All heavy atoms as atom14 arrays in JSON, in Angstrom:
{
  "sequence": "EMGKPVSQARGEAEKSATLCEYYARHATRILRSETPEGAP",
  "atom14_mask": [
    [1, 1, 1, 1, 1, 1, 1, 1, 1, 0, 0, 0, 0, 0],
    [1, 1, 1, 1, 1, 1, 1, 1, 0, 0, 0, 0, 0, 0],
    [1, 1, 1, 1, 0, 0, 0, 0, 0, 0, 0, 0, 0, 0],
    [1, 1, 1, 1, 1, 1, 1, 1, 1, 0, 0, 0, 0, 0],
    [1, 1, 1, 1, 1, 1, 1, 0, 0, 0, 0, 0, 0, 0],
    [1, 1, 1, 1, 1, 1, 1, 0, 0, 0, 0, 0, 0, 0],
    [1, 1, 1, 1, 1, 1, 0, 0, 0, 0, 0, 0, 0, 0],
    [1, 1, 1, 1, 1, 1, 1, 1, 1, 0, 0, 0, 0, 0],
    [1, 1, 1, 1, 1, 0, 0, 0, 0, 0, 0, 0, 0, 0],
    [1, 1, 1, 1, 1, 1, 1, 1, 1, 1, 1, 0, 0, 0],
    [1, 1, 1, 1, 0, 0, 0, 0, 0, 0, 0, 0, 0, 0],
    [1, 1, 1, 1, 1, 1, 1, 1, 1, 0, 0, 0, 0, 0],
    [1, 1, 1, 1, 1, 0, 0, 0, 0, 0, 0, 0, 0, 0],
    [1, 1, 1, 1, 1, 1, 1, 1, 1, 0, 0, 0, 0, 0],
    [1, 1, 1, 1, 1, 1, 1, 1, 1, 0, 0, 0, 0, 0],
    [1, 1, 1, 1, 1, 1, 0, 0, 0, 0, 0, 0, 0, 0],
    [1, 1, 1, 1, 1, 0, 0, 0, 0, 0, 0, 0, 0, 0],
    [1, 1, 1, 1, 1, 1, 1, 0, 0, 0, 0, 0, 0, 0],
    [1, 1, 1, 1, 1, 1, 1, 1, 0, 0, 0, 0, 0, 0],
    [1, 1, 1, 1, 1, 1, 0, 0, 0, 0, 0, 0, 0, 0],
    [1, 1, 1, 1, 1, 1, 1, 1, 1, 0, 0, 0, 0, 0],
    [1, 1, 1, 1, 1, 1, 1, 1, 1, 1, 1, 1, 0, 0],
    [1, 1, 1, 1, 1, 1, 1, 1, 1, 1, 1, 1, 0, 0],
    [1, 1, 1, 1, 1, 0, 0, 0, 0, 0, 0, 0, 0, 0],
    [1, 1, 1, 1, 1, 1, 1, 1, 1, 1, 1, 0, 0, 0],
    [1, 1, 1, 1, 1, 1, 1, 1, 1, 1, 0, 0, 0, 0],
    [1, 1, 1, 1, 1, 0, 0, 0, 0, 0, 0, 0, 0, 0],
    [1, 1, 1, 1, 1, 1, 1, 0, 0, 0, 0, 0, 0, 0],
    [1, 1, 1, 1, 1, 1, 1, 1, 1, 1, 1, 0, 0, 0],
    [1, 1, 1, 1, 1, 1, 1, 1, 0, 0, 0, 0, 0, 0],
    [1, 1, 1, 1, 1, 1, 1, 1, 0, 0, 0, 0, 0, 0],
    [1, 1, 1, 1, 1, 1, 1, 1, 1, 1, 1, 0, 0, 0],
    [1, 1, 1, 1, 1, 1, 0, 0, 0, 0, 0, 0, 0, 0],
    [1, 1, 1, 1, 1, 1, 1, 1, 1, 0, 0, 0, 0, 0],
    [1, 1, 1, 1, 1, 1, 1, 0, 0, 0, 0, 0, 0, 0],
    [1, 1, 1, 1, 1, 1, 1, 0, 0, 0, 0, 0, 0, 0],
    [1, 1, 1, 1, 1, 1, 1, 1, 1, 0, 0, 0, 0, 0],
    [1, 1, 1, 1, 0, 0, 0, 0, 0, 0, 0, 0, 0, 0],
    [1, 1, 1, 1, 1, 0, 0, 0, 0, 0, 0, 0, 0, 0],
    [1, 1, 1, 1, 1, 1, 1, 0, 0, 0, 0, 0, 0, 0]
  ],
  "atom14_positions": [
    [[0.79, -1.23, 0.0], [0.0, 0.0, 0.0], [0.83, 1.28, 0.0], [0.4, 2.28, -0.54], [-0.94, 0.02, 1.21], [-2.12, -0.9, 1.07], [-3.13, -0.73, 2.18], [-2.82, -0.08, 3.2], [-4.24, -1.26, 2.03], [0.0, 0.0, 0.0], [0.0, 0.0, 0.0], [0.0, 0.0, 0.0], [0.0, 0.0, 0.0], [0.0, 0.0, 0.0]],
    [[1.99, 1.25, 0.62], [2.72, 2.51, 0.75], [4.17, 2.45, 0.32], [4.87, 3.46, 0.37], [2.61, 3.06, 2.17], [2.88, 2.04, 3.23], [2.62, 2.67, 4.88], [3.94, 3.79, 5.04], [0.0, 0.0, 0.0], [0.0, 0.0, 0.0], [0.0, 0.0, 0.0], [0.0, 0.0, 0.0], [0.0, 0.0, 0.0], [0.0, 0.0, 0.0]],
    [[4.64, 1.29, -0.07], [6.0, 1.2, -0.58], [7.07, 1.13, 0.5], [8.26, 1.23, 0.2], [0.0, 0.0, 0.0], [0.0, 0.0, 0.0], [0.0, 0.0, 0.0], [0.0, 0.0, 0.0], [0.0, 0.0, 0.0], [0.0, 0.0, 0.0], [0.0, 0.0, 0.0], [0.0, 0.0, 0.0], [0.0, 0.0, 0.0], [0.0, 0.0, 0.0]],
    [[6.66, 0.95, 1.74], [7.64, 0.83, 2.83], [8.4, -0.48, 2.65], [7.8, -1.51, 2.34], [6.9, 0.84, 4.17], [7.81, 0.82, 5.38], [7.0, 0.89, 6.66], [7.36, 2.16, 7.38], [6.7, 2.3, 8.67], [0.0, 0.0, 0.0], [0.0, 0.0, 0.0], [0.0, 0.0, 0.0], [0.0, 0.0, 0.0], [0.0, 0.0, 0.0]],
    [[9.72, -0.45, 2.82], [10.47, -1.72, 2.71], [9.9, -2.76, 3.68], [9.54, -2.44, 4.81], [11.89, -1.32, 3.1], [11.98, 0.14, 2.76], [10.6, 0.68, 3.06], [0.0, 0.0, 0.0], [0.0, 0.0, 0.0], [0.0, 0.0, 0.0], [0.0, 0.0, 0.0], [0.0, 0.0, 0.0], [0.0, 0.0, 0.0], [0.0, 0.0, 0.0]],
    [[9.81, -3.99, 3.22], [9.17, -5.04, 4.0], [9.86, -5.23, 5.35], [9.2, -5.5, 6.36], [9.04, -6.35, 3.2], [10.38, -7.04, 3.02], [8.01, -7.28, 3.83], [0.0, 0.0, 0.0], [0.0, 0.0, 0.0], [0.0, 0.0, 0.0], [0.0, 0.0, 0.0], [0.0, 0.0, 0.0], [0.0, 0.0, 0.0], [0.0, 0.0, 0.0]],
    [[11.18, -5.07, 5.41], [11.87, -5.23, 6.7], [11.41, -4.16, 7.69], [11.23, -4.44, 8.88], [13.38, -5.18, 6.51], [13.77, -3.92, 5.98], [0.0, 0.0, 0.0], [0.0, 0.0, 0.0], [0.0, 0.0, 0.0], [0.0, 0.0, 0.0], [0.0, 0.0, 0.0], [0.0, 0.0, 0.0], [0.0, 0.0, 0.0], [0.0, 0.0, 0.0]],
    [[11.2, -2.94, 7.21], [10.7, -1.87, 8.09], [9.25, -2.12, 8.48], [8.84, -1.83, 9.61], [10.83, -0.52, 7.4], [12.26, -0.04, 7.28], [12.34, 1.31, 6.59], [11.36, 2.05, 6.5], [13.53, 1.63, 6.09], [0.0, 0.0, 0.0], [0.0, 0.0, 0.0], [0.0, 0.0, 0.0], [0.0, 0.0, 0.0], [0.0, 0.0, 0.0]],
    [[8.47, -2.66, 7.57], [7.07, -2.97, 7.86], [6.98, -4.07, 8.92], [6.16, -3.99, 9.85], [6.34, -3.38, 6.59], [0.0, 0.0, 0.0], [0.0, 0.0, 0.0], [0.0, 0.0, 0.0], [0.0, 0.0, 0.0], [0.0, 0.0, 0.0], [0.0, 0.0, 0.0], [0.0, 0.0, 0.0], [0.0, 0.0, 0.0], [0.0, 0.0, 0.0]],
    [[7.84, -5.09, 8.81], [7.88, -6.12, 9.85], [8.27, -5.51, 11.19], [7.69, -5.84, 12.23], [8.9, -7.2, 9.48], [8.48, -8.14, 8.41], [9.56, -9.22, 8.2], [9.27, -9.98, 7.03], [10.04, -10.06, 5.94], [11.19, -9.4, 5.89], [9.67, -10.78, 4.92], [0.0, 0.0, 0.0], [0.0, 0.0, 0.0], [0.0, 0.0, 0.0]],
    [[9.25, -4.64, 11.15], [9.7, -3.97, 12.38], [8.6, -3.14, 13.01], [8.48, -3.08, 14.24], [0.0, 0.0, 0.0], [0.0, 0.0, 0.0], [0.0, 0.0, 0.0], [0.0, 0.0, 0.0], [0.0, 0.0, 0.0], [0.0, 0.0, 0.0], [0.0, 0.0, 0.0], [0.0, 0.0, 0.0], [0.0, 0.0, 0.0], [0.0, 0.0, 0.0]],
    [[7.79, -2.5, 12.19], [6.69, -1.69, 12.71], [5.66, -2.56, 13.43], [5.18, -2.2, 14.51], [6.02, -0.92, 11.59], [4.9, -0.04, 12.07], [4.22, 0.75, 10.98], [4.8, 0.94, 9.9], [3.09, 1.19, 11.22], [0.0, 0.0, 0.0], [0.0, 0.0, 0.0], [0.0, 0.0, 0.0], [0.0, 0.0, 0.0], [0.0, 0.0, 0.0]],
    [[5.33, -3.71, 12.84], [4.38, -4.62, 13.5], [4.95, -5.11, 14.82], [4.24, -5.14, 15.84], [4.05, -5.79, 12.58], [0.0, 0.0, 0.0], [0.0, 0.0, 0.0], [0.0, 0.0, 0.0], [0.0, 0.0, 0.0], [0.0, 0.0, 0.0], [0.0, 0.0, 0.0], [0.0, 0.0, 0.0], [0.0, 0.0, 0.0], [0.0, 0.0, 0.0]],
    [[6.22, -5.46, 14.85], [6.86, -5.94, 16.08], [6.95, -4.82, 17.13], [6.67, -5.03, 18.31], [8.25, -6.51, 15.79], [8.99, -6.96, 17.02], [8.26, -8.02, 17.85], [7.53, -8.85, 17.28], [8.43, -8.02, 19.08], [0.0, 0.0, 0.0], [0.0, 0.0, 0.0], [0.0, 0.0, 0.0], [0.0, 0.0, 0.0], [0.0, 0.0, 0.0]],
    [[7.33, -3.62, 16.69], [7.41, -2.47, 17.61], [6.03, -2.19, 18.23], [5.93, -1.9, 19.42], [7.91, -1.25, 16.84], [8.01, 0.01, 17.65], [8.51, 1.16, 16.78], [8.58, 2.46, 17.55], [9.05, 3.58, 16.75], [0.0, 0.0, 0.0], [0.0, 0.0, 0.0], [0.0, 0.0, 0.0], [0.0, 0.0, 0.0], [0.0, 0.0, 0.0]],
    [[4.99, -2.29, 17.43], [3.64, -2.05, 17.92], [3.23, -3.12, 18.93], [2.61, -2.81, 19.95], [2.66, -2.0, 16.75], [3.01, -0.94, 15.88], [0.0, 0.0, 0.0], [0.0, 0.0, 0.0], [0.0, 0.0, 0.0], [0.0, 0.0, 0.0], [0.0, 0.0, 0.0], [0.0, 0.0, 0.0], [0.0, 0.0, 0.0], [0.0, 0.0, 0.0]],
    [[3.58, -4.37, 18.66], [3.29, -5.46, 19.6], [4.03, -5.24, 20.92], [3.46, -5.39, 22.01], [3.67, -6.81, 18.99], [0.0, 0.0, 0.0], [0.0, 0.0, 0.0], [0.0, 0.0, 0.0], [0.0, 0.0, 0.0], [0.0, 0.0, 0.0], [0.0, 0.0, 0.0], [0.0, 0.0, 0.0], [0.0, 0.0, 0.0], [0.0, 0.0, 0.0]],
    [[5.29, -4.84, 20.83], [6.09, -4.58, 22.02], [5.48, -3.44, 22.84], [5.44, -3.49, 24.07], [7.54, -4.26, 21.63], [8.09, -5.39, 20.94], [8.4, -3.94, 22.84], [0.0, 0.0, 0.0], [0.0, 0.0, 0.0], [0.0, 0.0, 0.0], [0.0, 0.0, 0.0], [0.0, 0.0, 0.0], [0.0, 0.0, 0.0], [0.0, 0.0, 0.0]],
    [[4.99, -2.4, 22.17], [4.37, -1.28, 22.86], [3.1, -1.72, 23.6], [2.87, -1.32, 24.75], [4.04, -0.15, 21.89], [3.43, 1.09, 22.54], [4.49, 1.84, 23.35], [2.83, 1.98, 21.5], [0.0, 0.0, 0.0], [0.0, 0.0, 0.0], [0.0, 0.0, 0.0], [0.0, 0.0, 0.0], [0.0, 0.0, 0.0], [0.0, 0.0, 0.0]],
    [[2.28, -2.54, 22.96], [1.08, -3.05, 23.62], [1.45, -3.81, 24.89], [0.82, -3.63, 25.94], [0.3, -3.97, 22.68], [-0.5, -3.11, 21.32], [0.0, 0.0, 0.0], [0.0, 0.0, 0.0], [0.0, 0.0, 0.0], [0.0, 0.0, 0.0], [0.0, 0.0, 0.0], [0.0, 0.0, 0.0], [0.0, 0.0, 0.0], [0.0, 0.0, 0.0]],
    [[2.47, -4.65, 24.81], [2.91, -5.41, 25.99], [3.46, -4.48, 27.07], [3.22, -4.7, 28.27], [3.95, -6.44, 25.59], [3.38, -7.56, 24.78], [4.42, -8.5, 24.21], [5.59, -8.11, 24.06], [4.03, -9.62, 23.89], [0.0, 0.0, 0.0], [0.0, 0.0, 0.0], [0.0, 0.0, 0.0], [0.0, 0.0, 0.0], [0.0, 0.0, 0.0]],
    [[4.19, -3.45, 26.66], [4.74, -2.5, 27.62], [3.62, -1.84, 28.42], [3.67, -1.79, 29.65], [5.57, -1.43, 26.89], [6.08, -0.35, 27.81], [7.27, -0.52, 28.51], [5.36, 0.82, 28.0], [7.73, 0.46, 29.38], [5.81, 1.8, 28.87], [7.0, 1.61, 29.55], [7.44, 2.58, 30.41], [0.0, 0.0, 0.0], [0.0, 0.0, 0.0]],
    [[2.59, -1.33, 27.73], [1.49, -0.68, 28.43], [0.69, -1.68, 29.27], [0.23, -1.34, 30.36], [0.6, 0.09, 27.48], [1.23, 1.4, 27.08], [1.53, 1.69, 25.77], [1.55, 2.35, 28.05], [2.13, 2.9, 25.42], [2.14, 3.56, 27.71], [2.43, 3.82, 26.39], [3.02, 5.01, 26.06], [0.0, 0.0, 0.0], [0.0, 0.0, 0.0]],
    [[0.53, -2.91, 28.79], [-0.16, -3.92, 29.59], [0.6, -4.17, 30.89], [0.01, -4.32, 31.96], [-0.3, -5.21, 28.79], [0.0, 0.0, 0.0], [0.0, 0.0, 0.0], [0.0, 0.0, 0.0], [0.0, 0.0, 0.0], [0.0, 0.0, 0.0], [0.0, 0.0, 0.0], [0.0, 0.0, 0.0], [0.0, 0.0, 0.0], [0.0, 0.0, 0.0]],
    [[1.91, -4.19, 30.81], [2.75, -4.49, 31.97], [2.88, -3.29, 32.92], [2.93, -3.46, 34.13], [4.14, -4.91, 31.49], [5.02, -5.51, 32.56], [6.35, -6.04, 32.01], [6.19, -6.8, 30.79], [6.73, -6.48, 29.59], [7.5, -5.43, 29.47], [6.52, -7.21, 28.54], [0.0, 0.0, 0.0], [0.0, 0.0, 0.0], [0.0, 0.0, 0.0]],
    [[2.94, -2.08, 32.39], [3.3, -0.92, 33.2], [2.18, 0.1, 33.43], [2.42, 1.12, 34.08], [4.49, -0.2, 32.58], [5.72, -1.05, 32.5], [6.46, -1.4, 33.6], [6.32, -1.65, 31.43], [7.47, -2.16, 33.23], [7.41, -2.33, 31.92], [0.0, 0.0, 0.0], [0.0, 0.0, 0.0], [0.0, 0.0, 0.0], [0.0, 0.0, 0.0]],
    [[0.99, -0.15, 32.93], [-0.08, 0.85, 33.02], [-0.4, 1.24, 34.46], [-0.62, 2.42, 34.75], [-1.34, 0.35, 32.32], [0.0, 0.0, 0.0], [0.0, 0.0, 0.0], [0.0, 0.0, 0.0], [0.0, 0.0, 0.0], [0.0, 0.0, 0.0], [0.0, 0.0, 0.0], [0.0, 0.0, 0.0], [0.0, 0.0, 0.0], [0.0, 0.0, 0.0]],
    [[-0.42, 0.28, 35.36], [-0.78, 0.62, 36.74], [0.25, 1.57, 37.36], [-0.11, 2.43, 38.16], [-0.95, -0.63, 37.63], [0.23, -1.42, 37.54], [-2.15, -1.44, 37.2], [0.0, 0.0, 0.0], [0.0, 0.0, 0.0], [0.0, 0.0, 0.0], [0.0, 0.0, 0.0], [0.0, 0.0, 0.0], [0.0, 0.0, 0.0], [0.0, 0.0, 0.0]],
    [[1.51, 1.44, 36.97], [2.54, 2.34, 37.48], [2.45, 3.7, 36.78], [2.48, 4.75, 37.42], [3.93, 1.75, 37.28], [5.07, 2.66, 37.73], [6.44, 2.06, 37.49], [6.67, 1.63, 36.12], [6.99, 2.44, 35.12], [7.11, 3.73, 35.31], [7.21, 1.96, 33.9], [0.0, 0.0, 0.0], [0.0, 0.0, 0.0], [0.0, 0.0, 0.0]],
    [[2.32, 3.69, 35.47], [2.32, 4.92, 34.69], [1.1, 5.78, 35.0], [1.19, 7.01, 35.07], [2.37, 4.6, 33.18], [3.69, 3.93, 32.81], [2.17, 5.86, 32.34], [3.7, 3.32, 31.41], [0.0, 0.0, 0.0], [0.0, 0.0, 0.0], [0.0, 0.0, 0.0], [0.0, 0.0, 0.0], [0.0, 0.0, 0.0], [0.0, 0.0, 0.0]],
    [[-0.05, 5.15, 35.18], [-1.32, 5.88, 35.31], [-1.83, 6.0, 36.74], [-2.95, 6.46, 36.94], [-2.38, 5.22, 34.43], [-2.08, 5.22, 32.93], [-3.13, 4.43, 32.17], [-1.96, 6.63, 32.4], [0.0, 0.0, 0.0], [0.0, 0.0, 0.0], [0.0, 0.0, 0.0], [0.0, 0.0, 0.0], [0.0, 0.0, 0.0], [0.0, 0.0, 0.0]],
    [[-1.03, 5.62, 37.71], [-1.52, 5.75, 39.09], [-1.64, 7.22, 39.47], [-0.87, 8.07, 39.02], [-0.65, 4.97, 40.05], [0.66, 5.63, 40.37], [1.4, 4.88, 41.48], [2.77, 5.32, 41.51], [3.82, 4.6, 41.13], [3.65, 3.36, 40.72], [5.03, 5.11, 41.16], [0.0, 0.0, 0.0], [0.0, 0.0, 0.0], [0.0, 0.0, 0.0]],
    [[-2.62, 7.49, 40.3], [-2.82, 8.86, 40.79], [-1.64, 9.24, 41.67], [-1.02, 8.4, 42.3], [-4.12, 8.95, 41.59], [-5.21, 8.69, 40.74], [0.0, 0.0, 0.0], [0.0, 0.0, 0.0], [0.0, 0.0, 0.0], [0.0, 0.0, 0.0], [0.0, 0.0, 0.0], [0.0, 0.0, 0.0], [0.0, 0.0, 0.0], [0.0, 0.0, 0.0]],
    [[-1.38, 10.54, 41.73], [-0.26, 11.0, 42.55], [-0.55, 12.39, 43.09], [-1.36, 13.13, 42.55], [1.04, 11.0, 41.75], [0.97, 11.85, 40.48], [2.2, 11.73, 39.61], [3.17, 12.47, 39.86], [2.17, 10.89, 38.69], [0.0, 0.0, 0.0], [0.0, 0.0, 0.0], [0.0, 0.0, 0.0], [0.0, 0.0, 0.0], [0.0, 0.0, 0.0]],
    [[0.13, 12.72, 44.16], [0.09, 14.06, 44.72], [1.39, 14.74, 44.31], [2.47, 14.26, 44.67], [-0.03, 14.03, 46.25], [-1.22, 13.34, 46.6], [-0.05, 15.43, 46.84], [0.0, 0.0, 0.0], [0.0, 0.0, 0.0], [0.0, 0.0, 0.0], [0.0, 0.0, 0.0], [0.0, 0.0, 0.0], [0.0, 0.0, 0.0], [0.0, 0.0, 0.0]],
    [[1.31, 15.81, 43.55], [2.55, 16.48, 43.11], [3.34, 17.0, 44.31], [2.77, 17.46, 45.3], [2.04, 17.64, 42.25], [0.64, 17.28, 41.88], [0.12, 16.43, 43.01], [0.0, 0.0, 0.0], [0.0, 0.0, 0.0], [0.0, 0.0, 0.0], [0.0, 0.0, 0.0], [0.0, 0.0, 0.0], [0.0, 0.0, 0.0], [0.0, 0.0, 0.0]],
    [[4.64, 16.91, 44.21], [5.51, 17.4, 45.27], [5.26, 18.89, 45.51], [5.18, 19.67, 44.57], [6.98, 17.18, 44.87], [7.95, 17.44, 46.0], [9.38, 17.12, 45.61], [9.59, 16.12, 44.9], [10.26, 17.89, 46.01], [0.0, 0.0, 0.0], [0.0, 0.0, 0.0], [0.0, 0.0, 0.0], [0.0, 0.0, 0.0], [0.0, 0.0, 0.0]],
    [[5.1, 19.24, 46.77], [4.88, 20.64, 47.14], [3.44, 21.09, 47.03], [3.1, 22.21, 47.41], [0.0, 0.0, 0.0], [0.0, 0.0, 0.0], [0.0, 0.0, 0.0], [0.0, 0.0, 0.0], [0.0, 0.0, 0.0], [0.0, 0.0, 0.0], [0.0, 0.0, 0.0], [0.0, 0.0, 0.0], [0.0, 0.0, 0.0], [0.0, 0.0, 0.0]],
    [[2.56, 20.23, 46.52], [1.15, 20.6, 46.38], [0.43, 20.31, 47.69], [0.89, 19.51, 48.5], [0.51, 19.8, 45.24], [0.0, 0.0, 0.0], [0.0, 0.0, 0.0], [0.0, 0.0, 0.0], [0.0, 0.0, 0.0], [0.0, 0.0, 0.0], [0.0, 0.0, 0.0], [0.0, 0.0, 0.0], [0.0, 0.0, 0.0], [0.0, 0.0, 0.0]],
    [[-0.72, 20.94, 47.9], [-1.51, 20.63, 49.11], [-1.9, 19.15, 49.12], [-1.98, 18.5, 48.07], [-2.76, 21.5, 48.95], [-2.42, 22.52, 47.93], [-1.34, 21.96, 47.07], [0.0, 0.0, 0.0], [0.0, 0.0, 0.0], [0.0, 0.0, 0.0], [0.0, 0.0, 0.0], [0.0, 0.0, 0.0], [0.0, 0.0, 0.0], [0.0, 0.0, 0.0]]
  ]
}
């Protein structure tokens, strides 16, 4: 569809899969509520 080299296209699919796993693993840490330092 876009002329991207197949090796880069494979890499994009793998990178996207890795990102999904990263957020599945780390979402509770990344998105936990917090009180900013120095705030009430």
